[in-house]
Amino acid sequence: MTIDKSEEEVAPDYIPRIAEEISYINVPAGDVPNVQVDGYRSESTAGIPVRDGMSITFHSKNLPTARLVWHCPSYVIFAADDGKVYGENYTEFSLVRIDGETWEAGHVADNELVVNKPDFAGWDAWKEFNKQGYECTVSFKRDGNRIESTTTNNGIEIRNVTTINVEAKEIYVALSGDQCALTNIRINNG
Protein backbone atom coordinates (compact mmCIF):
# COMPACT_ATOMS: atom_id res chain seq x y z
CA MET A 1 0.00 0.00 0.00
CA THR A 2 1.26 3.49 -0.80
CA ILE A 3 0.05 6.83 0.41
CA ASP A 4 0.70 10.05 -1.46
CA LYS A 5 0.31 13.43 0.18
CA SER A 6 -0.52 16.34 -2.07
CA GLU A 7 1.06 19.72 -1.47
CA GLU A 8 -2.15 21.27 -2.76
CA GLU A 9 -4.71 22.27 -0.12
CA VAL A 10 -8.22 20.91 -0.63
CA ALA A 11 -10.98 23.53 -0.85
CA PRO A 12 -13.48 23.53 2.05
CA ASP A 13 -16.34 22.71 -0.36
CA TYR A 14 -14.50 19.81 -2.08
CA ILE A 15 -16.75 17.32 -0.28
CA PRO A 16 -20.32 18.64 -0.15
CA ARG A 17 -21.81 19.02 3.35
CA ILE A 18 -24.64 16.64 4.14
CA ALA A 19 -25.61 18.45 7.33
CA GLU A 20 -25.97 22.13 8.07
CA GLU A 21 -22.95 23.70 9.75
CA ILE A 22 -23.84 24.75 13.29
CA SER A 23 -22.42 27.90 14.79
CA TYR A 24 -22.99 29.21 18.30
CA ILE A 25 -21.04 32.43 17.77
CA ASN A 26 -23.22 34.28 15.24
CA VAL A 27 -24.03 36.93 17.81
CA PRO A 28 -22.59 40.43 18.29
CA ALA A 29 -18.88 40.40 19.08
CA GLY A 30 -17.04 42.42 21.70
CA ASP A 31 -13.53 43.81 21.36
CA VAL A 32 -12.19 40.66 19.67
CA PRO A 33 -14.03 38.18 17.41
CA ASN A 34 -16.13 35.41 18.96
CA VAL A 35 -14.61 31.93 19.07
CA GLN A 36 -16.23 28.51 18.83
CA VAL A 37 -13.90 25.77 20.13
CA ASP A 38 -15.14 22.43 18.78
CA GLY A 39 -12.16 20.37 20.06
CA TYR A 40 -9.31 20.73 22.52
CA ARG A 41 -7.80 24.15 21.80
CA SER A 42 -8.85 23.87 18.15
CA GLU A 43 -9.50 27.63 18.08
CA SER A 44 -8.41 30.57 20.17
CA THR A 45 -8.62 34.33 20.20
CA ALA A 46 -5.78 36.43 18.94
CA GLY A 47 -3.21 37.30 21.56
CA ILE A 48 -4.09 40.16 23.89
CA PRO A 49 -1.09 41.94 25.45
CA VAL A 50 -1.08 41.38 29.23
CA ARG A 51 -1.17 44.68 31.13
CA ASP A 52 -1.21 45.27 34.89
CA GLY A 53 -4.78 45.77 36.07
CA MET A 54 -6.45 44.48 32.93
CA SER A 55 -9.39 42.09 32.83
CA ILE A 56 -11.13 40.09 30.13
CA THR A 57 -14.85 39.42 30.37
CA PHE A 58 -16.72 37.06 28.08
CA HIS A 59 -19.81 34.90 27.82
CA SER A 60 -19.10 31.18 27.83
CA LYS A 61 -21.54 28.47 26.87
CA ASN A 62 -20.71 24.81 26.45
CA LEU A 63 -21.61 23.18 23.16
CA PRO A 64 -24.30 20.47 23.22
CA THR A 65 -21.53 17.89 22.66
CA ALA A 66 -19.79 18.83 25.95
CA ARG A 67 -20.11 16.15 28.60
CA LEU A 68 -16.83 16.15 30.55
CA VAL A 69 -15.51 18.46 33.28
CA TRP A 70 -12.65 19.68 31.10
CA HIS A 71 -15.05 20.77 28.37
CA CYS A 72 -14.75 24.39 29.43
CA PRO A 73 -12.93 27.63 28.60
CA SER A 74 -9.24 28.08 29.23
CA TYR A 75 -6.71 30.84 28.85
CA VAL A 76 -3.10 30.60 27.76
CA ILE A 77 -0.27 33.00 28.61
CA PHE A 78 2.40 33.00 25.91
CA ALA A 79 4.87 34.90 23.76
CA ALA A 80 5.05 34.89 19.95
CA ASP A 81 6.55 37.33 17.50
CA ASP A 82 3.21 37.65 15.70
CA GLY A 83 1.00 37.54 18.84
CA LYS A 84 -0.75 34.35 17.73
CA VAL A 85 -1.19 31.06 19.56
CA TYR A 86 1.26 28.64 17.89
CA GLY A 87 2.63 31.59 15.90
CA GLU A 88 6.18 32.54 15.01
CA ASN A 89 8.65 31.69 17.85
CA TYR A 90 5.73 30.58 20.07
CA THR A 91 6.54 29.94 23.74
CA GLU A 92 3.79 28.87 26.14
CA PHE A 93 4.12 29.90 29.79
CA SER A 94 0.81 28.81 31.30
CA LEU A 95 -2.46 27.15 30.39
CA VAL A 96 -5.27 27.48 32.95
CA ARG A 97 -8.58 25.73 32.51
CA ILE A 98 -11.62 27.30 34.18
CA ASP A 99 -12.25 23.99 35.97
CA GLY A 100 -9.12 24.64 38.04
CA GLU A 101 -6.51 22.60 36.15
CA THR A 102 -3.26 23.94 34.74
CA TRP A 103 -0.37 22.71 32.63
CA GLU A 104 3.21 23.47 33.53
CA ALA A 105 5.42 25.22 31.04
CA GLY A 106 8.64 23.39 31.87
CA HIS A 107 11.79 25.45 32.32
CA VAL A 108 10.45 28.62 30.63
CA ALA A 109 8.09 29.53 33.51
CA ASP A 110 7.03 28.55 37.01
CA ASN A 111 3.32 28.40 37.85
CA GLU A 112 1.70 28.42 41.25
CA LEU A 113 -1.97 27.47 41.07
CA VAL A 114 -4.35 27.85 44.01
CA VAL A 115 -7.92 26.59 43.66
CA ASN A 116 -10.58 27.09 46.35
CA LYS A 117 -14.12 25.72 46.24
CA PRO A 118 -15.99 27.52 49.04
CA ASP A 119 -19.47 27.26 47.49
CA PHE A 120 -18.93 24.36 45.09
CA ALA A 121 -22.08 22.27 44.50
CA GLY A 122 -20.31 19.40 42.71
CA TRP A 123 -19.18 18.58 39.19
CA ASP A 124 -22.63 17.64 37.84
CA ALA A 125 -24.00 21.06 38.87
CA TRP A 126 -20.87 22.73 37.48
CA LYS A 127 -21.25 21.02 34.09
CA GLU A 128 -24.93 22.04 33.94
CA PHE A 129 -23.93 25.64 34.82
CA ASN A 130 -21.52 25.60 31.85
CA LYS A 131 -24.21 24.25 29.51
CA GLN A 132 -26.57 27.08 30.52
CA GLY A 133 -23.87 29.69 29.86
CA TYR A 134 -22.43 32.37 32.11
CA GLU A 135 -20.42 35.56 32.21
CA CYS A 136 -16.77 35.06 33.14
CA THR A 137 -14.06 37.55 34.11
CA VAL A 138 -10.33 36.84 34.24
CA SER A 139 -8.30 39.57 35.96
CA PHE A 140 -4.55 40.17 35.69
CA LYS A 141 -1.89 41.81 37.82
CA ARG A 142 1.53 42.15 36.23
CA ASP A 143 4.84 43.09 37.74
CA GLY A 144 7.54 42.56 35.11
CA ASN A 145 7.85 38.84 34.45
CA ARG A 146 5.34 37.90 37.20
CA ILE A 147 1.69 37.61 36.12
CA GLU A 148 -1.12 36.85 38.58
CA SER A 149 -4.44 35.81 37.04
CA THR A 150 -7.69 35.24 38.94
CA THR A 151 -11.20 34.12 38.09
CA THR A 152 -14.27 32.78 39.90
CA ASN A 153 -17.09 30.73 38.41
CA ASN A 154 -19.85 28.67 40.03
CA GLY A 155 -18.03 28.00 43.28
CA ILE A 156 -14.49 27.61 41.91
CA GLU A 157 -11.97 30.35 42.74
CA ILE A 158 -8.74 30.20 40.71
CA ARG A 159 -5.54 32.13 41.32
CA ASN A 160 -2.49 31.38 39.20
CA VAL A 161 0.89 33.09 39.45
CA THR A 162 3.11 32.69 36.40
CA THR A 163 6.76 33.68 36.75
CA ILE A 164 8.44 33.78 33.36
CA ASN A 165 12.07 32.62 33.34
CA VAL A 166 13.04 33.65 29.79
CA GLU A 167 13.22 36.90 27.85
CA ALA A 168 10.09 37.82 25.89
CA LYS A 169 9.40 41.00 23.93
CA GLU A 170 5.67 40.90 24.66
CA ILE A 171 3.51 38.62 26.81
CA TYR A 172 0.03 37.74 25.53
CA VAL A 173 -3.07 35.98 26.79
CA ALA A 174 -5.59 34.20 24.56
CA LEU A 175 -8.89 32.50 25.33
CA SER A 176 -9.47 28.94 24.15
CA GLY A 177 -10.91 25.78 25.68
CA ASP A 178 -12.73 22.66 24.62
CA GLN A 179 -16.35 22.22 23.47
CA CYS A 180 -17.38 25.81 24.19
CA ALA A 181 -18.44 29.05 22.53
CA LEU A 182 -16.84 32.29 23.76
CA THR A 183 -18.71 35.45 22.81
CA ASN A 184 -18.92 39.17 23.66
CA ILE A 185 -15.24 39.22 24.66
CA ARG A 186 -14.37 42.56 26.26
CA ILE A 187 -10.98 43.86 27.34
CA ASN A 188 -10.71 46.35 30.18
CA ASN A 189 -7.20 47.76 30.54
CA GLY A 190 -7.82 49.05 34.05
C-alpha atoms as a PDB file:
ATOM      1  CA  MET A   1       0.000   0.000   0.000  1.00  0.00           C
ATOM      2  CA  THR A   2       1.258   3.489  -0.804  1.00  0.00           C
ATOM      3  CA  ILE A   3       0.051   6.827   0.406  1.00  0.00           C
ATOM      4  CA  ASP A   4       0.704  10.048  -1.457  1.00  0.00           C
ATOM      5  CA  LYS A   5       0.308  13.427   0.179  1.00  0.00           C
ATOM      6  CA  SER A   6      -0.522  16.338  -2.071  1.00  0.00           C
ATOM      7  CA  GLU A   7       1.064  19.717  -1.474  1.00  0.00           C
ATOM      8  CA  GLU A   8      -2.152  21.265  -2.756  1.00  0.00           C
ATOM      9  CA  GLU A   9      -4.711  22.268  -0.124  1.00  0.00           C
ATOM     10  CA  VAL A  10      -8.218  20.908  -0.631  1.00  0.00           C
ATOM     11  CA  ALA A  11     -10.975  23.533  -0.847  1.00  0.00           C
ATOM     12  CA  PRO A  12     -13.483  23.530   2.050  1.00  0.00           C
ATOM     13  CA  ASP A  13     -16.343  22.715  -0.357  1.00  0.00           C
ATOM     14  CA  TYR A  14     -14.498  19.814  -2.078  1.00  0.00           C
ATOM     15  CA  ILE A  15     -16.748  17.323  -0.282  1.00  0.00           C
ATOM     16  CA  PRO A  16     -20.315  18.638  -0.146  1.00  0.00           C
ATOM     17  CA  ARG A  17     -21.810  19.023   3.352  1.00  0.00           C
ATOM     18  CA  ILE A  18     -24.638  16.635   4.144  1.00  0.00           C
ATOM     19  CA  ALA A  19     -25.615  18.454   7.329  1.00  0.00           C
ATOM     20  CA  GLU A  20     -25.971  22.126   8.073  1.00  0.00           C
ATOM     21  CA  GLU A  21     -22.947  23.699   9.752  1.00  0.00           C
ATOM     22  CA  ILE A  22     -23.840  24.750  13.291  1.00  0.00           C
ATOM     23  CA  SER A  23     -22.417  27.902  14.791  1.00  0.00           C
ATOM     24  CA  TYR A  24     -22.986  29.210  18.300  1.00  0.00           C
ATOM     25  CA  ILE A  25     -21.039  32.433  17.773  1.00  0.00           C
ATOM     26  CA  ASN A  26     -23.222  34.281  15.237  1.00  0.00           C
ATOM     27  CA  VAL A  27     -24.028  36.930  17.811  1.00  0.00           C
ATOM     28  CA  PRO A  28     -22.594  40.426  18.288  1.00  0.00           C
ATOM     29  CA  ALA A  29     -18.876  40.397  19.080  1.00  0.00           C
ATOM     30  CA  GLY A  30     -17.040  42.423  21.700  1.00  0.00           C
ATOM     31  CA  ASP A  31     -13.525  43.813  21.364  1.00  0.00           C
ATOM     32  CA  VAL A  32     -12.194  40.662  19.667  1.00  0.00           C
ATOM     33  CA  PRO A  33     -14.028  38.180  17.407  1.00  0.00           C
ATOM     34  CA  ASN A  34     -16.130  35.414  18.962  1.00  0.00           C
ATOM     35  CA  VAL A  35     -14.608  31.933  19.072  1.00  0.00           C
ATOM     36  CA  GLN A  36     -16.226  28.505  18.830  1.00  0.00           C
ATOM     37  CA  VAL A  37     -13.901  25.771  20.132  1.00  0.00           C
ATOM     38  CA  ASP A  38     -15.137  22.432  18.776  1.00  0.00           C
ATOM     39  CA  GLY A  39     -12.164  20.375  20.056  1.00  0.00           C
ATOM     40  CA  TYR A  40      -9.312  20.726  22.518  1.00  0.00           C
ATOM     41  CA  ARG A  41      -7.802  24.152  21.801  1.00  0.00           C
ATOM     42  CA  SER A  42      -8.851  23.870  18.155  1.00  0.00           C
ATOM     43  CA  GLU A  43      -9.497  27.632  18.082  1.00  0.00           C
ATOM     44  CA  SER A  44      -8.407  30.572  20.173  1.00  0.00           C
ATOM     45  CA  THR A  45      -8.622  34.328  20.199  1.00  0.00           C
ATOM     46  CA  ALA A  46      -5.778  36.434  18.940  1.00  0.00           C
ATOM     47  CA  GLY A  47      -3.209  37.299  21.565  1.00  0.00           C
ATOM     48  CA  ILE A  48      -4.094  40.160  23.892  1.00  0.00           C
ATOM     49  CA  PRO A  49      -1.091  41.938  25.453  1.00  0.00           C
ATOM     50  CA  VAL A  50      -1.082  41.377  29.230  1.00  0.00           C
ATOM     51  CA  ARG A  51      -1.169  44.681  31.131  1.00  0.00           C
ATOM     52  CA  ASP A  52      -1.205  45.273  34.888  1.00  0.00           C
ATOM     53  CA  GLY A  53      -4.782  45.767  36.073  1.00  0.00           C
ATOM     54  CA  MET A  54      -6.453  44.482  32.926  1.00  0.00           C
ATOM     55  CA  SER A  55      -9.386  42.094  32.832  1.00  0.00           C
ATOM     56  CA  ILE A  56     -11.127  40.092  30.130  1.00  0.00           C
ATOM     57  CA  THR A  57     -14.853  39.420  30.370  1.00  0.00           C
ATOM     58  CA  PHE A  58     -16.720  37.057  28.080  1.00  0.00           C
ATOM     59  CA  HIS A  59     -19.812  34.901  27.820  1.00  0.00           C
ATOM     60  CA  SER A  60     -19.099  31.181  27.827  1.00  0.00           C
ATOM     61  CA  LYS A  61     -21.536  28.469  26.870  1.00  0.00           C
ATOM     62  CA  ASN A  62     -20.705  24.813  26.448  1.00  0.00           C
ATOM     63  CA  LEU A  63     -21.606  23.184  23.162  1.00  0.00           C
ATOM     64  CA  PRO A  64     -24.305  20.475  23.217  1.00  0.00           C
ATOM     65  CA  THR A  65     -21.527  17.887  22.664  1.00  0.00           C
ATOM     66  CA  ALA A  66     -19.792  18.832  25.949  1.00  0.00           C
ATOM     67  CA  ARG A  67     -20.111  16.151  28.599  1.00  0.00           C
ATOM     68  CA  LEU A  68     -16.830  16.148  30.547  1.00  0.00           C
ATOM     69  CA  VAL A  69     -15.512  18.455  33.278  1.00  0.00           C
ATOM     70  CA  TRP A  70     -12.653  19.681  31.100  1.00  0.00           C
ATOM     71  CA  HIS A  71     -15.052  20.768  28.368  1.00  0.00           C
ATOM     72  CA  CYS A  72     -14.753  24.391  29.434  1.00  0.00           C
ATOM     73  CA  PRO A  73     -12.931  27.626  28.599  1.00  0.00           C
ATOM     74  CA  SER A  74      -9.242  28.075  29.235  1.00  0.00           C
ATOM     75  CA  TYR A  75      -6.708  30.838  28.846  1.00  0.00           C
ATOM     76  CA  VAL A  76      -3.104  30.601  27.759  1.00  0.00           C
ATOM     77  CA  ILE A  77      -0.268  33.000  28.606  1.00  0.00           C
ATOM     78  CA  PHE A  78       2.396  32.995  25.911  1.00  0.00           C
ATOM     79  CA  ALA A  79       4.866  34.897  23.758  1.00  0.00           C
ATOM     80  CA  ALA A  80       5.054  34.885  19.954  1.00  0.00           C
ATOM     81  CA  ASP A  81       6.550  37.329  17.500  1.00  0.00           C
ATOM     82  CA  ASP A  82       3.205  37.651  15.701  1.00  0.00           C
ATOM     83  CA  GLY A  83       1.001  37.543  18.836  1.00  0.00           C
ATOM     84  CA  LYS A  84      -0.753  34.347  17.727  1.00  0.00           C
ATOM     85  CA  VAL A  85      -1.189  31.059  19.564  1.00  0.00           C
ATOM     86  CA  TYR A  86       1.261  28.643  17.891  1.00  0.00           C
ATOM     87  CA  GLY A  87       2.627  31.593  15.902  1.00  0.00           C
ATOM     88  CA  GLU A  88       6.182  32.538  15.012  1.00  0.00           C
ATOM     89  CA  ASN A  89       8.648  31.691  17.848  1.00  0.00           C
ATOM     90  CA  TYR A  90       5.729  30.582  20.070  1.00  0.00           C
ATOM     91  CA  THR A  91       6.538  29.944  23.745  1.00  0.00           C
ATOM     92  CA  GLU A  92       3.785  28.871  26.136  1.00  0.00           C
ATOM     93  CA  PHE A  93       4.118  29.897  29.792  1.00  0.00           C
ATOM     94  CA  SER A  94       0.815  28.812  31.301  1.00  0.00           C
ATOM     95  CA  LEU A  95      -2.461  27.155  30.391  1.00  0.00           C
ATOM     96  CA  VAL A  96      -5.266  27.477  32.948  1.00  0.00           C
ATOM     97  CA  ARG A  97      -8.583  25.728  32.505  1.00  0.00           C
ATOM     98  CA  ILE A  98     -11.615  27.304  34.177  1.00  0.00           C
ATOM     99  CA  ASP A  99     -12.255  23.990  35.969  1.00  0.00           C
ATOM    100  CA  GLY A 100      -9.115  24.637  38.037  1.00  0.00           C
ATOM    101  CA  GLU A 101      -6.509  22.601  36.150  1.00  0.00           C
ATOM    102  CA  THR A 102      -3.261  23.936  34.741  1.00  0.00           C
ATOM    103  CA  TRP A 103      -0.372  22.713  32.626  1.00  0.00           C
ATOM    104  CA  GLU A 104       3.207  23.468  33.532  1.00  0.00           C
ATOM    105  CA  ALA A 105       5.424  25.224  31.036  1.00  0.00           C
ATOM    106  CA  GLY A 106       8.640  23.390  31.868  1.00  0.00           C
ATOM    107  CA  HIS A 107      11.792  25.445  32.323  1.00  0.00           C
ATOM    108  CA  VAL A 108      10.452  28.616  30.633  1.00  0.00           C
ATOM    109  CA  ALA A 109       8.091  29.531  33.511  1.00  0.00           C
ATOM    110  CA  ASP A 110       7.027  28.554  37.014  1.00  0.00           C
ATOM    111  CA  ASN A 111       3.324  28.397  37.846  1.00  0.00           C
ATOM    112  CA  GLU A 112       1.703  28.417  41.251  1.00  0.00           C
ATOM    113  CA  LEU A 113      -1.973  27.469  41.068  1.00  0.00           C
ATOM    114  CA  VAL A 114      -4.349  27.854  44.012  1.00  0.00           C
ATOM    115  CA  VAL A 115      -7.921  26.585  43.661  1.00  0.00           C
ATOM    116  CA  ASN A 116     -10.577  27.091  46.349  1.00  0.00           C
ATOM    117  CA  LYS A 117     -14.116  25.717  46.239  1.00  0.00           C
ATOM    118  CA  PRO A 118     -15.986  27.523  49.044  1.00  0.00           C
ATOM    119  CA  ASP A 119     -19.472  27.256  47.494  1.00  0.00           C
ATOM    120  CA  PHE A 120     -18.927  24.364  45.093  1.00  0.00           C
ATOM    121  CA  ALA A 121     -22.083  22.272  44.504  1.00  0.00           C
ATOM    122  CA  GLY A 122     -20.311  19.399  42.712  1.00  0.00           C
ATOM    123  CA  TRP A 123     -19.184  18.583  39.194  1.00  0.00           C
ATOM    124  CA  ASP A 124     -22.626  17.643  37.842  1.00  0.00           C
ATOM    125  CA  ALA A 125     -24.001  21.057  38.869  1.00  0.00           C
ATOM    126  CA  TRP A 126     -20.868  22.732  37.481  1.00  0.00           C
ATOM    127  CA  LYS A 127     -21.248  21.022  34.091  1.00  0.00           C
ATOM    128  CA  GLU A 128     -24.927  22.043  33.936  1.00  0.00           C
ATOM    129  CA  PHE A 129     -23.931  25.636  34.815  1.00  0.00           C
ATOM    130  CA  ASN A 130     -21.525  25.604  31.853  1.00  0.00           C
ATOM    131  CA  LYS A 131     -24.212  24.246  29.515  1.00  0.00           C
ATOM    132  CA  GLN A 132     -26.572  27.080  30.521  1.00  0.00           C
ATOM    133  CA  GLY A 133     -23.865  29.687  29.861  1.00  0.00           C
ATOM    134  CA  TYR A 134     -22.431  32.371  32.111  1.00  0.00           C
ATOM    135  CA  GLU A 135     -20.417  35.562  32.210  1.00  0.00           C
ATOM    136  CA  CYS A 136     -16.766  35.060  33.142  1.00  0.00           C
ATOM    137  CA  THR A 137     -14.062  37.550  34.112  1.00  0.00           C
ATOM    138  CA  VAL A 138     -10.331  36.844  34.241  1.00  0.00           C
ATOM    139  CA  SER A 139      -8.296  39.571  35.963  1.00  0.00           C
ATOM    140  CA  PHE A 140      -4.555  40.166  35.689  1.00  0.00           C
ATOM    141  CA  LYS A 141      -1.890  41.810  37.816  1.00  0.00           C
ATOM    142  CA  ARG A 142       1.525  42.145  36.229  1.00  0.00           C
ATOM    143  CA  ASP A 143       4.840  43.091  37.736  1.00  0.00           C
ATOM    144  CA  GLY A 144       7.539  42.564  35.110  1.00  0.00           C
ATOM    145  CA  ASN A 145       7.850  38.843  34.454  1.00  0.00           C
ATOM    146  CA  ARG A 146       5.341  37.898  37.203  1.00  0.00           C
ATOM    147  CA  ILE A 147       1.687  37.611  36.122  1.00  0.00           C
ATOM    148  CA  GLU A 148      -1.117  36.848  38.575  1.00  0.00           C
ATOM    149  CA  SER A 149      -4.441  35.811  37.044  1.00  0.00           C
ATOM    150  CA  THR A 150      -7.689  35.237  38.944  1.00  0.00           C
ATOM    151  CA  THR A 151     -11.205  34.123  38.094  1.00  0.00           C
ATOM    152  CA  THR A 152     -14.268  32.775  39.901  1.00  0.00           C
ATOM    153  CA  ASN A 153     -17.090  30.734  38.412  1.00  0.00           C
ATOM    154  CA  ASN A 154     -19.851  28.671  40.028  1.00  0.00           C
ATOM    155  CA  GLY A 155     -18.031  27.996  43.278  1.00  0.00           C
ATOM    156  CA  ILE A 156     -14.494  27.608  41.906  1.00  0.00           C
ATOM    157  CA  GLU A 157     -11.969  30.352  42.741  1.00  0.00           C
ATOM    158  CA  ILE A 158      -8.745  30.198  40.710  1.00  0.00           C
ATOM    159  CA  ARG A 159      -5.538  32.134  41.323  1.00  0.00           C
ATOM    160  CA  ASN A 160      -2.486  31.378  39.198  1.00  0.00           C
ATOM    161  CA  VAL A 161       0.888  33.091  39.451  1.00  0.00           C
ATOM    162  CA  THR A 162       3.114  32.689  36.402  1.00  0.00           C
ATOM    163  CA  THR A 163       6.761  33.679  36.755  1.00  0.00           C
ATOM    164  CA  ILE A 164       8.445  33.778  33.360  1.00  0.00           C
ATOM    165  CA  ASN A 165      12.071  32.617  33.341  1.00  0.00           C
ATOM    166  CA  VAL A 166      13.041  33.647  29.795  1.00  0.00           C
ATOM    167  CA  GLU A 167      13.218  36.896  27.845  1.00  0.00           C
ATOM    168  CA  ALA A 168      10.094  37.819  25.889  1.00  0.00           C
ATOM    169  CA  LYS A 169       9.396  40.999  23.931  1.00  0.00           C
ATOM    170  CA  GLU A 170       5.667  40.899  24.664  1.00  0.00           C
ATOM    171  CA  ILE A 171       3.512  38.623  26.812  1.00  0.00           C
ATOM    172  CA  TYR A 172       0.030  37.744  25.534  1.00  0.00           C
ATOM    173  CA  VAL A 173      -3.068  35.977  26.789  1.00  0.00           C
ATOM    174  CA  ALA A 174      -5.587  34.205  24.558  1.00  0.00           C
ATOM    175  CA  LEU A 175      -8.888  32.503  25.326  1.00  0.00           C
ATOM    176  CA  SER A 176      -9.474  28.945  24.151  1.00  0.00           C
ATOM    177  CA  GLY A 177     -10.910  25.781  25.683  1.00  0.00           C
ATOM    178  CA  ASP A 178     -12.732  22.657  24.618  1.00  0.00           C
ATOM    179  CA  GLN A 179     -16.350  22.221  23.467  1.00  0.00           C
ATOM    180  CA  CYS A 180     -17.382  25.812  24.195  1.00  0.00           C
ATOM    181  CA  ALA A 181     -18.437  29.052  22.528  1.00  0.00           C
ATOM    182  CA  LEU A 182     -16.840  32.290  23.758  1.00  0.00           C
ATOM    183  CA  THR A 183     -18.707  35.455  22.810  1.00  0.00           C
ATOM    184  CA  ASN A 184     -18.925  39.169  23.660  1.00  0.00           C
ATOM    185  CA  ILE A 185     -15.237  39.220  24.661  1.00  0.00           C
ATOM    186  CA  ARG A 186     -14.372  42.563  26.263  1.00  0.00           C
ATOM    187  CA  ILE A 187     -10.980  43.865  27.338  1.00  0.00           C
ATOM    188  CA  ASN A 188     -10.712  46.345  30.184  1.00  0.00           C
ATOM    189  CA  ASN A 189      -7.198  47.756  30.535  1.00  0.00           C
ATOM    190  CA  GLY A 190      -7.824  49.049  34.051  1.00  0.00           C
END
